[in-house]
Protein backbone atom coordinates (compact mmCIF):
# COMPACT_ATOMS: atom_id res chain seq x y z
CA MET A 1 20.92 -2.40 2.07
CA ARG A 2 20.84 0.86 3.57
CA ILE A 3 18.49 3.55 2.15
CA ALA A 4 18.19 7.17 3.14
CA ILE A 5 14.70 8.56 2.99
CA ILE A 6 14.45 12.56 2.77
CA PRO A 7 11.31 14.26 2.90
CA GLY A 8 11.59 17.62 1.20
CA SER A 9 9.43 19.63 3.30
CA LEU A 10 10.09 20.99 6.82
CA ARG A 11 6.83 21.34 8.17
CA ALA A 12 5.85 18.69 10.78
CA GLY A 13 2.40 17.90 9.39
CA SER A 14 3.39 17.64 5.88
CA TYR A 15 2.23 15.19 3.29
CA ASN A 16 5.70 14.54 2.38
CA ARG A 17 6.86 13.56 5.69
CA LYS A 18 3.92 11.18 5.97
CA LEU A 19 4.50 9.69 2.33
CA ALA A 20 8.29 9.28 3.47
CA HIS A 21 7.06 7.31 6.56
CA VAL A 22 4.93 4.94 4.16
CA ALA A 23 8.02 4.50 2.17
CA GLU A 24 10.20 3.90 5.33
CA ALA A 25 8.01 1.18 6.62
CA ILE A 26 7.68 -0.61 3.24
CA LEU A 27 11.32 -0.66 3.10
CA GLN A 28 11.75 -1.93 6.40
CA LYS A 29 9.34 -4.69 5.66
CA HIS A 30 11.89 -5.38 2.80
CA GLN A 31 14.59 -5.90 5.33
CA CYS A 32 16.40 -2.70 4.45
CA GLU A 33 18.17 -0.72 6.79
CA THR A 34 16.64 2.87 6.75
CA ASP A 35 17.88 6.36 7.66
CA TYR A 36 15.46 8.70 7.88
CA VAL A 37 16.98 12.21 7.34
CA ASP A 38 14.94 15.04 8.89
CA LEU A 39 16.29 18.31 7.46
CA LYS A 40 15.48 20.43 10.37
CA GLU A 41 18.43 18.55 12.02
CA HIS A 42 20.82 19.80 9.21
CA PRO A 43 19.74 23.45 8.94
CA LEU A 44 22.05 25.25 6.17
CA PRO A 45 22.10 29.03 4.88
CA PRO A 46 21.36 29.84 1.74
CA TYR A 47 23.90 28.84 -0.57
CA ASP A 48 26.37 31.82 -1.16
CA GLY A 49 29.87 31.36 -2.77
CA ASP A 50 31.19 34.39 -0.83
CA PHE A 51 29.89 32.38 2.40
CA GLU A 52 31.54 29.23 1.24
CA THR A 53 34.77 30.96 0.70
CA GLU A 54 34.87 32.98 3.81
CA SER A 55 33.55 29.99 6.13
CA GLY A 56 33.92 26.72 4.12
CA VAL A 57 30.94 24.26 3.81
CA PRO A 58 28.89 24.34 7.15
CA ASP A 59 29.24 21.35 9.62
CA ALA A 60 25.67 20.35 9.12
CA CYS A 61 26.31 20.01 5.36
CA TRP A 62 29.02 17.69 6.11
CA LYS A 63 27.06 15.66 8.58
CA LEU A 64 24.17 15.54 5.84
CA LYS A 65 26.67 14.66 3.33
CA ALA A 66 27.97 11.87 5.24
CA ARG A 67 24.27 10.27 5.65
CA ILE A 68 23.73 10.59 2.08
CA ALA A 69 27.20 8.79 1.08
CA ALA A 70 26.43 6.02 3.54
CA ALA A 71 23.19 5.01 1.80
CA HIS A 72 23.07 2.87 -1.10
CA ALA A 73 20.12 4.75 -2.51
CA VAL A 74 17.91 7.58 -1.63
CA VAL A 75 14.21 7.97 -1.38
CA VAL A 76 13.10 11.73 -1.81
CA SER A 77 9.57 12.67 -1.06
CA SER A 78 9.07 16.34 -2.13
CA PRO A 79 6.41 18.88 -2.11
CA GLU A 80 5.85 21.29 -5.14
CA TYR A 81 5.77 25.07 -4.69
CA ASN A 82 4.43 27.21 -7.33
CA GLY A 83 5.23 24.33 -9.85
CA GLY A 84 8.74 23.88 -8.75
CA ILE A 85 11.21 22.42 -6.51
CA PRO A 86 10.96 23.86 -2.93
CA GLY A 87 13.80 26.26 -2.22
CA THR A 88 14.73 24.94 0.94
CA PHE A 89 15.23 21.43 -0.67
CA LYS A 90 17.04 23.01 -3.84
CA ASN A 91 19.47 24.52 -1.23
CA VAL A 92 20.04 21.31 0.37
CA LEU A 93 20.95 19.98 -3.04
CA ASP A 94 23.41 22.97 -3.76
CA TRP A 95 25.06 22.62 -0.47
CA THR A 96 25.50 19.16 -0.63
CA THR A 97 27.57 19.04 -3.83
CA ARG A 98 30.16 21.63 -2.53
CA GLY A 99 33.42 21.03 -0.56
CA GLY A 100 35.08 18.80 -3.05
CA SER A 101 32.71 15.89 -2.67
CA ASN A 102 29.52 14.79 -4.23
CA PRO A 103 27.53 12.03 -2.25
CA TRP A 104 24.84 11.95 -5.06
CA SER A 105 27.21 10.93 -7.71
CA GLY A 106 26.40 7.31 -8.70
CA LYS A 107 23.37 7.39 -5.98
CA VAL A 108 20.23 5.51 -7.08
CA VAL A 109 17.13 8.04 -6.39
CA MET A 110 13.52 7.41 -6.16
CA LEU A 111 11.23 10.60 -6.41
CA MET A 112 7.81 10.94 -4.81
CA GLY A 113 5.63 13.89 -3.99
CA ALA A 114 2.50 14.71 -2.48
CA THR A 115 0.61 17.90 -2.91
CA ASP A 116 -3.03 19.03 -2.11
CA GLY A 117 -3.54 20.58 -5.41
CA PRO A 118 -4.46 18.58 -8.80
CA TRP A 119 -1.19 18.08 -10.31
CA GLY A 120 0.43 15.67 -7.64
CA THR A 121 3.70 17.35 -7.89
CA ASN A 122 3.98 16.26 -11.67
CA ARG A 123 4.93 20.08 -12.84
CA MET A 124 8.00 20.13 -10.36
CA MET A 125 9.17 16.26 -11.07
CA PRO A 126 10.99 17.03 -14.51
CA ALA A 127 12.97 19.92 -13.01
CA LEU A 128 13.89 17.63 -9.92
CA LYS A 129 14.98 14.65 -12.11
CA GLN A 130 17.09 17.18 -14.34
CA VAL A 131 19.01 18.41 -11.14
CA TYR A 132 19.72 15.03 -10.12
CA SER A 133 20.95 14.02 -13.41
CA ILE A 134 23.11 16.81 -13.40
CA ILE A 135 24.53 16.15 -10.27
CA GLY A 136 25.20 12.33 -11.34
CA SER A 137 22.29 10.48 -9.79
CA LEU A 138 20.64 7.76 -11.29
CA VAL A 139 16.86 8.62 -10.67
CA ILE A 140 14.59 5.54 -11.29
CA PRO A 141 11.93 6.36 -14.20
CA GLN A 142 8.83 5.69 -11.93
CA THR A 143 7.65 7.89 -9.42
CA VAL A 144 5.01 8.33 -6.93
CA THR A 145 2.88 11.47 -7.14
CA ILE A 146 -0.10 12.25 -5.02
CA PRO A 147 -2.78 14.93 -5.95
CA HIS A 148 -5.43 15.99 -3.39
CA ALA A 149 -3.47 14.83 -0.88
CA GLU A 150 -6.14 15.87 1.76
CA LYS A 151 -7.86 12.72 0.76
CA VAL A 152 -5.29 10.12 1.07
CA TRP A 153 -4.73 10.84 4.92
CA ASP A 154 -7.47 12.33 7.45
CA LYS A 155 -7.10 15.37 9.32
CA ASP A 156 -5.37 13.51 12.40
CA GLY A 157 -2.66 12.17 9.85
CA ARG A 158 -4.00 8.53 9.48
CA LEU A 159 -3.78 7.10 6.00
CA VAL A 160 -7.21 6.36 4.56
CA ASP A 161 -6.06 5.54 0.99
CA GLU A 162 -5.42 1.85 1.37
CA SER A 163 -4.22 1.75 -2.35
CA LEU A 164 -1.16 4.08 -1.67
CA PRO A 165 0.98 1.65 0.21
CA GLY A 166 0.80 -0.76 -2.89
CA ARG A 167 1.67 2.01 -5.44
CA VAL A 168 4.69 2.71 -3.35
CA GLU A 169 5.82 -0.70 -2.89
CA LYS A 170 6.03 -1.22 -6.77
CA VAL A 171 8.15 1.45 -7.24
CA ILE A 172 10.25 0.68 -4.10
CA ALA A 173 10.69 -2.98 -5.67
CA ASN A 174 12.07 -1.26 -8.72
CA LEU A 175 14.36 1.15 -6.54
CA LEU A 176 15.72 -2.23 -4.88
CA ASN A 177 16.22 -4.21 -8.15
CA VAL A 178 18.14 -0.88 -9.66
CA THR A 179 20.25 -0.80 -6.27
CA GLN A 180 21.10 -4.42 -6.04
CA LYS A 181 22.39 -4.23 -9.67
CA MET A 182 24.31 -0.86 -9.32
CA THR A 183 25.93 -2.23 -5.96
CA ALA A 184 26.91 -5.61 -7.12
CA GLU A 185 28.56 -3.66 -10.39
CA ARG A 186 30.69 -1.82 -7.99
CA LEU A 187 32.03 -4.87 -6.06
């Protein structure tokens, strides 16, 4: 099974990149082929219908859409900015549904998020679930949300909360189960 992993943060030291790598290691342990999608490798301009009409969908977007389309499921690890979806990540969702194809349609999606605040991305998750629902994805109901992420990793980026992999693995088990069933139905 091929799973794309997309951290919604561009920052190199982001907690959500670290969380994405935790999920990646667990997926590989389950014999999944993983594709860690670094959004910095797919820079996109702010979505603008005039730009799209004049210039078309950017090449970086087509490459990103192909990586999403090639996956059986997607794991997203997104921060929460001011209680909402980060603008750069929402921009990715907007662009990748353009150009006559939507790689998210029918895709099983697992959501995770880490923040150094007390809410653990719980304020942002309903909005992100709604967007994925509108673009045709099947979001599994279980999420991994991490408040006070500065206590989960030390200042050198090492995981210090030994319970985190187990929490992530439980949700991944459900993701793999749902994805297996969805994939079998398509055959």
